[in-house]
N, C-alpha and C. Protein backbone atom coordinates (compact mmCIF):
# COMPACT_ATOMS: atom_id res chain seq x y z
N GLN A 1 92.96 103.61 110.37
CA GLN A 1 94.11 104.50 110.44
C GLN A 1 94.75 104.39 111.81
N VAL A 2 96.06 104.22 111.83
CA VAL A 2 96.80 104.07 113.08
C VAL A 2 97.22 105.44 113.59
N GLN A 3 97.03 105.64 114.89
CA GLN A 3 97.48 106.86 115.54
C GLN A 3 98.29 106.51 116.77
N LEU A 4 99.20 107.39 117.15
CA LEU A 4 99.98 107.22 118.37
C LEU A 4 99.50 108.23 119.39
N VAL A 5 99.15 107.74 120.57
CA VAL A 5 98.64 108.59 121.64
C VAL A 5 99.60 108.52 122.81
N GLN A 6 100.10 109.66 123.21
CA GLN A 6 101.09 109.74 124.28
C GLN A 6 100.44 110.10 125.61
N SER A 7 101.11 109.69 126.70
CA SER A 7 100.71 110.08 128.04
C SER A 7 101.96 110.16 128.90
N GLY A 8 101.82 110.82 130.05
CA GLY A 8 102.95 110.97 130.95
C GLY A 8 103.59 112.34 130.78
N GLY A 9 104.79 112.47 131.32
CA GLY A 9 105.49 113.74 131.26
C GLY A 9 105.11 114.64 132.41
N GLY A 10 105.55 115.90 132.34
CA GLY A 10 105.24 116.87 133.37
C GLY A 10 106.48 117.58 133.87
N LEU A 11 106.38 118.06 135.10
CA LEU A 11 107.45 118.84 135.73
C LEU A 11 108.09 118.04 136.85
N VAL A 12 109.41 118.02 136.88
CA VAL A 12 110.13 117.29 137.91
C VAL A 12 111.42 118.03 138.23
N GLN A 13 111.91 117.85 139.43
CA GLN A 13 113.19 118.45 139.81
C GLN A 13 114.34 117.60 139.27
N ALA A 14 115.47 118.24 139.10
CA ALA A 14 116.67 117.52 138.64
C ALA A 14 116.95 116.34 139.57
N GLY A 15 117.28 115.22 138.95
CA GLY A 15 117.52 114.00 139.71
C GLY A 15 116.29 113.11 139.82
N GLY A 16 115.14 113.64 139.47
CA GLY A 16 113.91 112.88 139.56
C GLY A 16 113.68 112.00 138.35
N SER A 17 112.51 111.36 138.33
CA SER A 17 112.16 110.42 137.27
C SER A 17 110.78 110.72 136.71
N LEU A 18 110.62 110.40 135.45
CA LEU A 18 109.32 110.47 134.79
C LEU A 18 109.19 109.29 133.84
N ARG A 19 107.96 108.96 133.51
CA ARG A 19 107.71 107.88 132.58
C ARG A 19 106.76 108.36 131.51
N LEU A 20 107.13 108.12 130.27
CA LEU A 20 106.28 108.44 129.13
C LEU A 20 105.76 107.15 128.51
N SER A 21 104.53 107.21 128.03
CA SER A 21 103.94 106.06 127.35
C SER A 21 103.38 106.49 126.02
N CYS A 22 103.36 105.56 125.10
CA CYS A 22 102.84 105.84 123.76
C CYS A 22 102.11 104.59 123.28
N ALA A 23 100.86 104.75 122.92
CA ALA A 23 100.05 103.61 122.50
C ALA A 23 99.58 103.78 121.07
N ALA A 24 99.72 102.73 120.29
CA ALA A 24 99.21 102.74 118.91
C ALA A 24 97.75 102.35 118.94
N THR A 25 96.91 103.19 118.37
CA THR A 25 95.48 102.92 118.34
C THR A 25 95.00 102.83 116.90
N GLY A 26 93.84 102.25 116.72
CA GLY A 26 93.31 102.09 115.38
C GLY A 26 93.57 100.70 114.85
N ARG A 27 93.60 100.59 113.54
CA ARG A 27 93.73 99.28 112.90
C ARG A 27 95.22 98.91 112.77
N THR A 28 95.79 98.46 113.89
CA THR A 28 97.22 98.15 113.93
C THR A 28 97.45 96.74 113.41
N ARG A 29 97.46 96.58 112.10
CA ARG A 29 97.64 95.26 111.50
C ARG A 29 99.10 94.87 111.40
N VAL A 30 99.98 95.85 111.53
CA VAL A 30 101.41 95.57 111.48
C VAL A 30 102.04 96.09 112.77
N THR A 31 103.24 95.59 113.06
CA THR A 31 103.99 96.06 114.22
C THR A 31 105.10 96.98 113.76
N TYR A 32 105.19 98.13 114.36
CA TYR A 32 106.15 99.14 113.97
C TYR A 32 107.39 99.12 114.86
N ASN A 33 108.52 99.49 114.28
CA ASN A 33 109.62 99.94 115.12
C ASN A 33 109.13 101.23 115.77
N MET A 34 109.53 101.47 117.01
CA MET A 34 109.03 102.65 117.69
C MET A 34 110.16 103.32 118.46
N GLY A 35 109.94 104.57 118.82
CA GLY A 35 110.98 105.27 119.55
C GLY A 35 110.52 106.64 119.99
N TRP A 36 111.49 107.41 120.45
CA TRP A 36 111.21 108.75 120.96
C TRP A 36 112.24 109.75 120.43
N PHE A 37 111.71 110.90 120.05
CA PHE A 37 112.51 112.07 119.76
C PHE A 37 112.19 113.11 120.83
N ARG A 38 113.02 114.12 120.94
CA ARG A 38 112.69 115.26 121.78
C ARG A 38 113.15 116.54 121.09
N GLN A 39 112.50 117.63 121.46
CA GLN A 39 112.85 118.92 120.89
C GLN A 39 112.89 119.96 121.99
N ALA A 40 114.08 120.49 122.23
CA ALA A 40 114.25 121.54 123.22
C ALA A 40 113.97 122.89 122.56
N PRO A 41 113.62 123.89 123.35
CA PRO A 41 113.33 125.22 122.78
C PRO A 41 114.50 125.73 121.95
N GLY A 42 114.20 126.14 120.72
CA GLY A 42 115.21 126.69 119.85
C GLY A 42 116.15 125.69 119.22
N LYS A 43 115.89 124.40 119.42
CA LYS A 43 116.78 123.37 118.88
C LYS A 43 116.00 122.43 117.96
N GLU A 44 116.75 121.69 117.16
CA GLU A 44 116.13 120.73 116.28
C GLU A 44 115.71 119.49 117.07
N ARG A 45 114.76 118.76 116.50
CA ARG A 45 114.33 117.52 117.12
C ARG A 45 115.47 116.50 117.06
N GLU A 46 115.72 115.81 118.17
CA GLU A 46 116.80 114.84 118.22
C GLU A 46 116.29 113.48 118.70
N SER A 47 116.91 112.44 118.18
CA SER A 47 116.54 111.08 118.56
C SER A 47 116.99 110.80 119.99
N VAL A 48 116.13 110.14 120.76
CA VAL A 48 116.43 109.80 122.14
C VAL A 48 116.64 108.30 122.31
N ALA A 49 115.68 107.52 121.83
CA ALA A 49 115.76 106.07 121.99
C ALA A 49 114.88 105.41 120.95
N ALA A 50 115.21 104.16 120.62
CA ALA A 50 114.41 103.42 119.64
C ALA A 50 114.42 101.95 120.01
N ILE A 51 113.36 101.25 119.61
CA ILE A 51 113.25 99.83 119.90
C ILE A 51 112.65 99.14 118.68
N SER A 52 113.17 97.98 118.36
CA SER A 52 112.72 97.27 117.17
C SER A 52 111.34 96.64 117.39
N ARG A 53 110.75 96.17 116.29
CA ARG A 53 109.43 95.55 116.36
C ARG A 53 109.40 94.38 117.33
N SER A 54 110.46 93.61 117.35
CA SER A 54 110.52 92.44 118.23
C SER A 54 110.92 92.81 119.65
N GLY A 55 111.48 94.00 119.81
CA GLY A 55 111.92 94.42 121.13
C GLY A 55 113.32 93.99 121.49
N ASP A 56 114.01 93.30 120.57
CA ASP A 56 115.33 92.77 120.92
C ASP A 56 116.48 93.66 120.48
N VAL A 57 116.18 94.74 119.77
CA VAL A 57 117.22 95.69 119.39
C VAL A 57 116.82 97.06 119.91
N ILE A 58 117.72 97.68 120.65
CA ILE A 58 117.45 98.97 121.29
C ILE A 58 118.65 99.88 121.07
N SER A 59 118.39 101.15 120.90
CA SER A 59 119.46 102.13 120.81
C SER A 59 119.09 103.37 121.61
N TYR A 60 120.12 104.07 122.09
CA TYR A 60 119.94 105.28 122.87
C TYR A 60 120.89 106.36 122.38
N ALA A 61 120.48 107.60 122.55
CA ALA A 61 121.41 108.70 122.34
C ALA A 61 122.45 108.66 123.46
N ASP A 62 123.66 109.09 123.13
CA ASP A 62 124.73 109.09 124.13
C ASP A 62 124.34 109.90 125.37
N SER A 63 123.58 110.96 125.16
CA SER A 63 123.24 111.86 126.26
C SER A 63 122.28 111.25 127.28
N VAL A 64 121.61 110.15 126.91
CA VAL A 64 120.64 109.54 127.84
C VAL A 64 121.01 108.12 128.21
N GLU A 65 122.06 107.58 127.60
CA GLU A 65 122.49 106.20 127.88
C GLU A 65 122.72 106.01 129.38
N GLY A 66 122.12 104.96 129.93
CA GLY A 66 122.28 104.67 131.34
C GLY A 66 121.29 105.38 132.24
N ARG A 67 120.53 106.32 131.69
CA ARG A 67 119.53 107.05 132.48
C ARG A 67 118.12 106.77 131.98
N PHE A 68 117.97 106.61 130.67
CA PHE A 68 116.66 106.37 130.06
C PHE A 68 116.58 104.91 129.63
N TYR A 69 115.35 104.37 129.71
CA TYR A 69 115.14 102.98 129.32
C TYR A 69 113.85 102.88 128.51
N ILE A 70 113.97 102.30 127.34
CA ILE A 70 112.81 102.14 126.48
C ILE A 70 112.35 100.68 126.53
N SER A 71 111.05 100.48 126.50
CA SER A 71 110.51 99.13 126.52
C SER A 71 109.19 99.13 125.76
N ARG A 72 108.74 97.95 125.38
CA ARG A 72 107.48 97.87 124.67
C ARG A 72 106.68 96.67 125.13
N ASP A 73 105.37 96.79 125.03
CA ASP A 73 104.45 95.72 125.38
C ASP A 73 103.77 95.29 124.09
N HIS A 74 104.17 94.15 123.58
CA HIS A 74 103.64 93.72 122.29
C HIS A 74 102.13 93.48 122.34
N GLY A 75 101.67 92.99 123.46
CA GLY A 75 100.26 92.69 123.54
C GLY A 75 99.39 93.93 123.42
N GLN A 76 99.89 95.06 123.91
CA GLN A 76 99.14 96.30 123.88
C GLN A 76 99.67 97.25 122.82
N ASP A 77 100.74 96.87 122.13
CA ASP A 77 101.36 97.71 121.11
C ASP A 77 101.66 99.09 121.67
N THR A 78 102.34 99.10 122.82
CA THR A 78 102.72 100.35 123.44
C THR A 78 104.23 100.39 123.64
N VAL A 79 104.75 101.59 123.76
CA VAL A 79 106.15 101.76 124.06
C VAL A 79 106.28 102.77 125.19
N ASP A 80 107.14 102.48 126.14
CA ASP A 80 107.35 103.35 127.28
C ASP A 80 108.79 103.87 127.30
N LEU A 81 108.96 105.02 127.90
CA LEU A 81 110.29 105.58 128.11
C LEU A 81 110.40 105.96 129.58
N GLN A 82 111.19 105.19 130.31
CA GLN A 82 111.47 105.48 131.72
C GLN A 82 112.68 106.40 131.77
N MET A 83 112.50 107.57 132.36
CA MET A 83 113.56 108.56 132.40
C MET A 83 113.97 108.79 133.85
N ASN A 84 115.20 108.43 134.16
CA ASN A 84 115.74 108.57 135.50
C ASN A 84 116.86 109.59 135.53
N SER A 85 117.19 110.05 136.72
CA SER A 85 118.29 111.02 136.91
C SER A 85 118.16 112.16 135.92
N LEU A 86 116.97 112.72 135.84
CA LEU A 86 116.71 113.77 134.86
C LEU A 86 117.53 115.02 135.15
N GLU A 87 117.92 115.66 134.06
CA GLU A 87 118.74 116.87 134.12
C GLU A 87 117.99 118.00 133.42
N PRO A 88 118.30 119.26 133.76
CA PRO A 88 117.63 120.37 133.07
C PRO A 88 117.78 120.29 131.55
N GLY A 89 118.88 119.74 131.08
CA GLY A 89 119.09 119.58 129.64
C GLY A 89 118.15 118.60 128.99
N ASP A 90 117.40 117.84 129.77
CA ASP A 90 116.41 116.91 129.22
C ASP A 90 115.08 117.60 128.95
N THR A 91 114.97 118.85 129.32
CA THR A 91 113.72 119.59 129.10
C THR A 91 113.41 119.71 127.63
N GLY A 92 112.15 119.50 127.29
CA GLY A 92 111.72 119.63 125.91
C GLY A 92 110.40 118.94 125.69
N VAL A 93 109.96 118.97 124.46
CA VAL A 93 108.75 118.24 124.08
C VAL A 93 109.19 116.89 123.51
N TYR A 94 108.64 115.84 124.04
CA TYR A 94 108.98 114.49 123.64
C TYR A 94 107.91 113.92 122.72
N TYR A 95 108.36 113.35 121.60
CA TYR A 95 107.45 112.79 120.61
C TYR A 95 107.77 111.31 120.40
N CYS A 96 106.77 110.47 120.43
CA CYS A 96 107.00 109.08 120.05
C CYS A 96 106.75 108.94 118.56
N TRP A 97 107.36 107.94 117.97
CA TRP A 97 107.21 107.72 116.54
C TRP A 97 107.08 106.23 116.25
N GLY A 98 106.58 105.91 115.07
CA GLY A 98 106.49 104.54 114.62
C GLY A 98 106.82 104.48 113.13
N ASP A 99 107.57 103.47 112.75
CA ASP A 99 107.92 103.33 111.34
C ASP A 99 108.25 101.87 111.04
N LEU A 100 108.02 101.46 109.80
CA LEU A 100 108.31 100.07 109.43
C LEU A 100 109.75 99.89 108.97
N ARG A 101 110.39 100.97 108.50
CA ARG A 101 111.75 100.84 107.97
C ARG A 101 112.80 101.39 108.92
N LEU A 102 112.58 102.60 109.41
CA LEU A 102 113.53 103.22 110.33
C LEU A 102 113.38 102.60 111.72
N GLY A 103 114.50 102.45 112.39
CA GLY A 103 114.47 101.83 113.71
C GLY A 103 115.76 102.08 114.45
N PRO A 104 116.10 101.24 115.42
CA PRO A 104 117.33 101.44 116.18
C PRO A 104 118.55 101.52 115.27
N GLY A 105 119.34 102.57 115.41
CA GLY A 105 120.54 102.72 114.62
C GLY A 105 120.34 103.30 113.24
N THR A 106 119.11 103.60 112.86
CA THR A 106 118.85 104.15 111.53
C THR A 106 118.00 105.40 111.66
N VAL A 107 118.58 106.44 112.22
CA VAL A 107 117.85 107.70 112.41
C VAL A 107 117.70 108.41 111.08
N GLY A 108 116.49 108.84 110.78
CA GLY A 108 116.24 109.55 109.54
C GLY A 108 115.67 110.92 109.82
N PRO A 109 115.45 111.71 108.77
CA PRO A 109 114.81 113.01 108.96
C PRO A 109 113.39 112.82 109.46
N CYS A 110 112.86 113.79 110.17
CA CYS A 110 111.54 113.67 110.78
C CYS A 110 110.47 113.33 109.75
N ARG A 111 110.59 113.88 108.56
CA ARG A 111 109.57 113.67 107.54
C ARG A 111 109.51 112.22 107.06
N ALA A 112 110.56 111.44 107.38
CA ALA A 112 110.61 110.05 106.91
C ALA A 112 109.82 109.10 107.79
N TYR A 113 109.47 109.51 108.98
CA TYR A 113 108.78 108.62 109.91
C TYR A 113 107.29 108.60 109.61
N GLU A 114 106.71 107.42 109.64
CA GLU A 114 105.31 107.27 109.24
C GLU A 114 104.34 107.80 110.28
N LEU A 115 104.58 107.52 111.54
CA LEU A 115 103.65 107.90 112.59
C LEU A 115 104.33 108.77 113.65
N TRP A 116 103.56 109.73 114.16
CA TRP A 116 104.05 110.58 115.25
C TRP A 116 102.97 110.73 116.31
N GLY A 117 103.41 110.78 117.57
CA GLY A 117 102.51 111.11 118.64
C GLY A 117 102.30 112.61 118.71
N GLN A 118 101.44 113.04 119.61
CA GLN A 118 101.06 114.46 119.68
C GLN A 118 102.08 115.31 120.42
N GLY A 119 103.03 114.69 121.11
CA GLY A 119 104.02 115.45 121.86
C GLY A 119 103.63 115.61 123.31
N THR A 120 104.62 115.54 124.18
CA THR A 120 104.41 115.68 125.63
C THR A 120 105.52 116.53 126.21
N GLN A 121 105.14 117.52 127.01
CA GLN A 121 106.14 118.40 127.60
C GLN A 121 106.79 117.74 128.82
N VAL A 122 108.11 117.79 128.84
CA VAL A 122 108.90 117.37 130.00
C VAL A 122 109.74 118.56 130.43
N THR A 123 109.58 118.96 131.68
CA THR A 123 110.33 120.09 132.20
C THR A 123 111.07 119.65 133.45
N VAL A 124 112.39 119.85 133.43
CA VAL A 124 113.24 119.48 134.55
C VAL A 124 113.81 120.76 135.15
N SER A 125 113.47 121.03 136.39
CA SER A 125 113.94 122.23 137.05
C SER A 125 115.23 121.94 137.83
N SER A 126 116.07 122.95 137.91
CA SER A 126 117.36 122.77 138.59
C SER A 126 117.24 123.08 140.07
């Protein structure tokens, strides 16, 4: 059984940077498209960034374009999210996901994604 295990996150002042990581563990016989959602208090979960299985197709939400960067390490089957120039509006719980069908440019409802990480809190203070 494949699981996604997240690390990183925490508290940072506005303008600072944080890095999130997500590793697929277990019997990873296939390579998933992977990405990140976030959920702010009182709001619905929203897509942040996604990267294809090969790593050559990437998409970002307009709100993070130019500040966040997603990357993956095929050898370790991990995906990272480098978050720069953080703003208080970036505060929320960040979840990584994995899916064979959904990927960059094809955002679906949360229930459609096959794998989810446990969530990581990111708090940006003003």
